[in-house]
Amino acid sequence: MVIRAAKRLAALLLVLALCAGCMYRGEIERRQQNPAFVREEIDRVASAVERYYKARGVYPIKNADASTPVYEKYVIDLNKLVQTQMLSSIPANAFEAGGHYYYLLVHPETEPVVMLMDLSAVQRVADLQRAIDAYRQANGRLPTGTETSPGFFAIDYAALKTEPLQIRSAYSNQYLPLLLHGSGEALIDYSLDIVKAAKEAAGDPPPDGADAREWLAKASPLAPVRSFPYVWADGEPTLAAK
């Protein structure tokens, strides 16, 4: 009887420990999503990047292919910042610390800004891209639906035999659809977020011909990854080829 009671107690303690661990991890994830925490960590990294640049004349960024999109290109080497004592510790929400984000440097040549790349969104689009590529190889065509704008199409999820994919925006809390470019590349449609950002922006609206993603980048710390440029024309963003 004593042995059975001890086993039950041990099992109960194990369950409690697992529950406590889950609650602790959940609390950490909630904290990492807190806008104040996110902004604090971005500012901390931005300050470290600026000090590194002043000391060495180059930015602490990882090598990238020239064809990599601007909002995914310059991944900050956080380990290098820590090793050179420019940064006291790696942010808890960074991929290097087990988080869901890469820290990016956008426009380092002109107006360097630190932003976040949501790796969960990147992975979900990459998974869909593999399904599209497999369909194209098997059928000799793309799983396209209605053409939404010249060269861009809705995705025929029925042909792919999968549920429609949408990415929830941390900026607007809206679900953003995915589109398919005629080249076969899947992309997130940020039109809804760009319109919201442009309406809420202080000052003049974006000039015609400008890449309207810039207004979203100014309004949100999350980079518009897996996207094509948007030309601002007649008061709204219009997708354009790269």
Protein backbone atom coordinates (compact mmCIF):
# COMPACT_ATOMS: atom_id res chain seq x y z
CA MET A 1 0.00 0.00 0.00
CA VAL A 2 2.81 2.41 0.88
CA ILE A 3 4.56 1.70 -2.44
CA ARG A 4 1.34 2.29 -4.44
CA ALA A 5 0.69 5.54 -2.56
CA ALA A 6 4.24 6.68 -3.25
CA LYS A 7 3.82 5.92 -6.95
CA ARG A 8 0.54 7.86 -7.08
CA LEU A 9 2.19 10.81 -5.33
CA ALA A 10 5.13 10.70 -7.75
CA ALA A 11 2.76 10.61 -10.71
CA LEU A 12 0.77 13.55 -9.30
CA LEU A 13 3.93 15.58 -8.76
CA LEU A 14 5.03 14.84 -12.32
CA VAL A 15 1.68 16.02 -13.71
CA LEU A 16 1.84 19.19 -11.61
CA ALA A 17 5.39 19.84 -12.78
CA LEU A 18 4.37 19.40 -16.43
CA CYS A 19 1.39 21.71 -15.98
CA ALA A 20 3.57 24.31 -14.30
CA GLY A 21 6.05 24.04 -17.16
CA CYS A 22 3.30 24.53 -19.74
CA MET A 23 1.93 27.53 -17.83
CA TYR A 24 5.44 29.00 -17.58
CA ARG A 25 6.08 28.56 -21.31
CA GLY A 26 2.66 30.03 -22.08
CA GLU A 27 3.43 33.05 -19.93
CA ILE A 28 6.76 33.52 -21.72
CA GLU A 29 5.07 33.37 -25.13
CA ARG A 30 2.40 35.87 -24.05
CA ARG A 31 5.11 38.22 -22.81
CA GLN A 32 7.00 37.90 -26.07
CA GLN A 33 3.88 38.98 -27.98
CA ASN A 34 3.36 42.05 -25.80
CA PRO A 35 3.87 45.17 -27.96
CA ALA A 36 5.80 46.97 -25.20
CA PHE A 37 8.19 44.01 -24.84
CA VAL A 38 8.64 43.73 -28.60
CA ARG A 39 9.41 47.45 -28.94
CA GLU A 40 11.82 47.35 -26.01
CA GLU A 41 13.76 44.46 -27.54
CA ILE A 42 13.83 46.06 -31.00
CA ASP A 43 15.15 49.31 -29.52
CA ARG A 44 17.78 47.38 -27.57
CA VAL A 45 19.00 45.60 -30.70
CA ALA A 46 18.87 48.81 -32.75
CA SER A 47 21.07 50.56 -30.20
CA ALA A 48 23.55 47.67 -30.27
CA VAL A 49 23.63 47.69 -34.10
CA GLU A 50 24.32 51.42 -34.11
CA ARG A 51 27.20 51.04 -31.63
CA TYR A 52 28.64 48.17 -33.66
CA TYR A 53 28.51 50.20 -36.85
CA LYS A 54 30.17 53.22 -35.23
CA ALA A 55 32.95 51.01 -33.86
CA ARG A 56 33.60 48.92 -37.00
CA GLY A 57 32.14 50.76 -39.97
CA VAL A 58 30.04 47.76 -41.07
CA TYR A 59 26.74 46.31 -39.95
CA PRO A 60 26.52 43.00 -38.06
CA ILE A 61 24.49 41.22 -40.73
CA LYS A 62 24.70 37.74 -42.21
CA ASN A 63 25.56 37.17 -45.84
CA ALA A 64 22.58 37.11 -48.20
CA ASP A 65 22.01 36.42 -51.86
CA ALA A 66 21.57 39.54 -53.98
CA SER A 67 18.15 38.30 -55.11
CA THR A 68 16.80 38.04 -51.54
CA PRO A 69 13.85 40.46 -51.05
CA VAL A 70 14.62 43.64 -49.13
CA TYR A 71 12.32 42.72 -46.23
CA GLU A 72 14.11 39.40 -45.72
CA LYS A 73 17.65 40.15 -46.84
CA TYR A 74 19.71 41.54 -43.97
CA VAL A 75 19.43 39.20 -40.98
CA ILE A 76 21.21 40.65 -37.95
CA ASP A 77 23.93 38.46 -36.42
CA LEU A 78 22.82 38.67 -32.78
CA ASN A 79 25.56 36.31 -31.64
CA LYS A 80 28.15 38.69 -33.05
CA LEU A 81 26.59 41.56 -31.10
CA VAL A 82 26.74 39.55 -27.88
CA GLN A 83 30.30 38.35 -28.52
CA THR A 84 31.46 41.94 -29.02
CA GLN A 85 29.55 43.04 -25.89
CA MET A 86 27.39 45.44 -27.89
CA LEU A 87 24.33 43.47 -26.72
CA SER A 88 24.00 42.07 -23.20
CA SER A 89 21.84 39.11 -24.22
CA ILE A 90 19.91 37.74 -27.18
CA PRO A 91 16.20 38.74 -27.09
CA ALA A 92 13.95 35.94 -25.85
CA ASN A 93 11.73 36.18 -28.95
CA ALA A 94 14.68 35.75 -31.34
CA PHE A 95 15.16 32.50 -33.23
CA GLU A 96 18.64 32.18 -31.69
CA ALA A 97 17.01 32.00 -28.25
CA GLY A 98 14.21 29.63 -29.28
CA GLY A 99 11.77 32.35 -30.38
CA HIS A 100 9.82 32.82 -33.60
CA TYR A 101 11.60 35.81 -35.14
CA TYR A 102 14.71 36.83 -37.00
CA TYR A 103 15.88 40.37 -36.31
CA LEU A 104 16.36 42.21 -39.61
CA LEU A 105 18.03 45.39 -40.74
CA VAL A 106 15.99 47.08 -43.47
CA HIS A 107 17.48 49.71 -45.78
CA PRO A 108 20.94 49.75 -44.16
CA GLU A 109 22.33 51.83 -47.05
CA THR A 110 19.94 54.75 -46.53
CA GLU A 111 17.80 54.65 -43.39
CA PRO A 112 18.57 51.54 -41.30
CA VAL A 113 15.59 50.21 -39.36
CA VAL A 114 15.43 47.09 -37.18
CA MET A 115 12.39 44.90 -37.85
CA LEU A 116 11.23 41.35 -37.17
CA MET A 117 10.77 38.48 -39.60
CA ASP A 118 7.95 36.17 -38.50
CA LEU A 119 9.41 32.73 -39.13
CA SER A 120 6.10 30.97 -38.53
CA ALA A 121 4.55 32.90 -41.44
CA VAL A 122 7.60 32.19 -43.61
CA GLN A 123 7.38 28.47 -42.85
CA ARG A 124 3.65 28.26 -43.59
CA VAL A 125 4.13 29.95 -46.96
CA ALA A 126 7.10 27.66 -47.69
CA ASP A 127 4.94 24.60 -46.96
CA LEU A 128 2.29 25.87 -49.38
CA GLN A 129 4.97 26.63 -51.97
CA ARG A 130 6.14 23.01 -51.87
CA ALA A 131 2.57 21.85 -52.53
CA ILE A 132 2.26 24.28 -55.45
CA ASP A 133 5.58 23.15 -56.93
CA ALA A 134 4.57 19.49 -56.62
CA TYR A 135 1.23 20.20 -58.33
CA ARG A 136 2.96 22.06 -61.14
CA GLN A 137 5.40 19.22 -61.69
CA ALA A 138 2.63 16.62 -61.74
CA ASN A 139 0.13 18.57 -63.89
CA GLY A 140 2.21 20.90 -66.01
CA ARG A 141 0.33 23.97 -64.86
CA LEU A 142 -0.21 26.11 -61.78
CA PRO A 143 -3.20 25.72 -59.42
CA THR A 144 -4.58 29.15 -60.29
CA GLY A 145 -8.04 30.48 -59.70
CA THR A 146 -9.41 33.92 -60.57
CA GLU A 147 -6.93 36.55 -61.71
CA THR A 148 -7.05 39.24 -58.99
CA SER A 149 -4.75 41.69 -60.76
CA PRO A 150 -2.51 41.42 -63.84
CA GLY A 151 -0.17 38.47 -63.28
CA PHE A 152 -1.57 37.56 -59.85
CA PHE A 153 -4.12 34.84 -59.12
CA ALA A 154 -6.19 33.34 -56.35
CA ILE A 155 -4.96 29.88 -55.37
CA ASP A 156 -7.08 26.85 -56.27
CA TYR A 157 -6.87 25.06 -52.93
CA ALA A 158 -9.34 22.42 -54.13
CA ALA A 159 -6.85 21.41 -56.80
CA LEU A 160 -4.16 21.19 -54.12
CA LYS A 161 -6.54 19.21 -51.90
CA THR A 162 -5.74 21.39 -48.93
CA GLU A 163 -7.49 23.96 -46.77
CA PRO A 164 -7.14 27.64 -47.74
CA LEU A 165 -4.21 29.29 -46.01
CA GLN A 166 -4.47 32.70 -44.40
CA ILE A 167 -1.89 34.51 -42.31
CA ARG A 168 -3.14 36.43 -39.28
CA SER A 169 -1.66 39.92 -39.20
CA ALA A 170 -0.13 41.01 -35.90
CA TYR A 171 -0.57 44.60 -37.09
CA SER A 172 -4.26 44.70 -38.02
CA ASN A 173 -5.43 41.36 -36.56
CA GLN A 174 -6.98 40.64 -39.96
CA TYR A 175 -6.50 37.39 -41.84
CA LEU A 176 -4.44 38.02 -44.95
CA PRO A 177 -5.00 35.80 -48.02
CA LEU A 178 -2.28 34.32 -50.18
CA LEU A 179 -1.98 34.81 -53.92
CA LEU A 180 -0.03 33.12 -56.69
CA HIS A 181 2.15 35.03 -59.11
CA GLY A 182 2.31 33.85 -62.71
CA SER A 183 5.90 32.74 -62.09
CA GLY A 184 4.59 30.18 -59.60
CA GLU A 185 5.65 32.04 -56.46
CA ALA A 186 3.18 32.17 -53.55
CA LEU A 187 2.93 35.47 -51.67
CA ILE A 188 1.04 37.05 -48.80
CA ASP A 189 -1.39 39.78 -49.89
CA TYR A 190 -0.76 42.74 -47.58
CA SER A 191 -3.27 45.06 -49.27
CA LEU A 192 -5.56 45.29 -46.23
CA ASP A 193 -2.69 46.11 -43.90
CA ILE A 194 -1.19 48.68 -46.28
CA VAL A 195 -4.52 50.51 -46.63
CA LYS A 196 -4.90 50.62 -42.85
CA ALA A 197 -1.34 51.87 -42.37
CA ALA A 198 -1.73 54.55 -45.05
CA LYS A 199 -4.99 55.81 -43.51
CA GLU A 200 -3.48 56.00 -40.05
CA ALA A 201 -0.19 57.58 -41.16
CA ALA A 202 0.42 61.19 -40.27
CA GLY A 203 1.08 63.61 -43.11
CA ASP A 204 0.55 63.16 -46.81
CA PRO A 205 -0.56 59.84 -48.35
CA PRO A 206 2.01 57.79 -50.27
CA PRO A 207 2.93 59.37 -53.62
CA ASP A 208 1.91 57.57 -56.78
CA GLY A 209 4.56 55.10 -57.89
CA ALA A 210 6.02 54.52 -54.41
CA ASP A 211 6.35 51.03 -52.97
CA ALA A 212 3.43 51.14 -50.54
CA ARG A 213 4.97 48.48 -48.30
CA GLU A 214 7.04 51.30 -46.85
CA TRP A 215 3.97 52.65 -45.06
CA LEU A 216 3.31 49.28 -43.51
CA ALA A 217 6.95 48.97 -42.45
CA LYS A 218 6.70 52.32 -40.69
CA ALA A 219 3.51 51.28 -38.87
CA SER A 220 4.47 47.76 -37.78
CA PRO A 221 7.64 46.17 -36.37
CA LEU A 222 6.97 43.05 -38.46
CA ALA A 223 8.48 43.06 -41.93
CA PRO A 224 6.09 42.24 -44.82
CA VAL A 225 7.80 38.95 -45.66
CA ARG A 226 6.95 36.77 -48.65
CA SER A 227 5.57 39.75 -50.54
CA PHE A 228 5.82 41.51 -53.88
CA PRO A 229 6.08 45.30 -54.24
CA TYR A 230 2.88 47.35 -54.22
CA VAL A 231 2.67 50.47 -56.36
CA TRP A 232 0.53 53.19 -54.78
CA ALA A 233 -1.87 54.47 -57.44
CA ASP A 234 -5.21 56.31 -57.23
CA GLY A 235 -5.35 56.02 -53.45
CA GLU A 236 -4.73 52.30 -53.12
CA PRO A 237 -1.95 49.72 -53.31
CA THR A 238 -1.64 47.67 -56.49
CA LEU A 239 0.56 44.59 -56.78
CA ALA A 240 3.48 44.91 -59.15
CA ALA A 241 6.03 42.48 -60.52
CA LYS A 242 9.40 42.50 -58.78
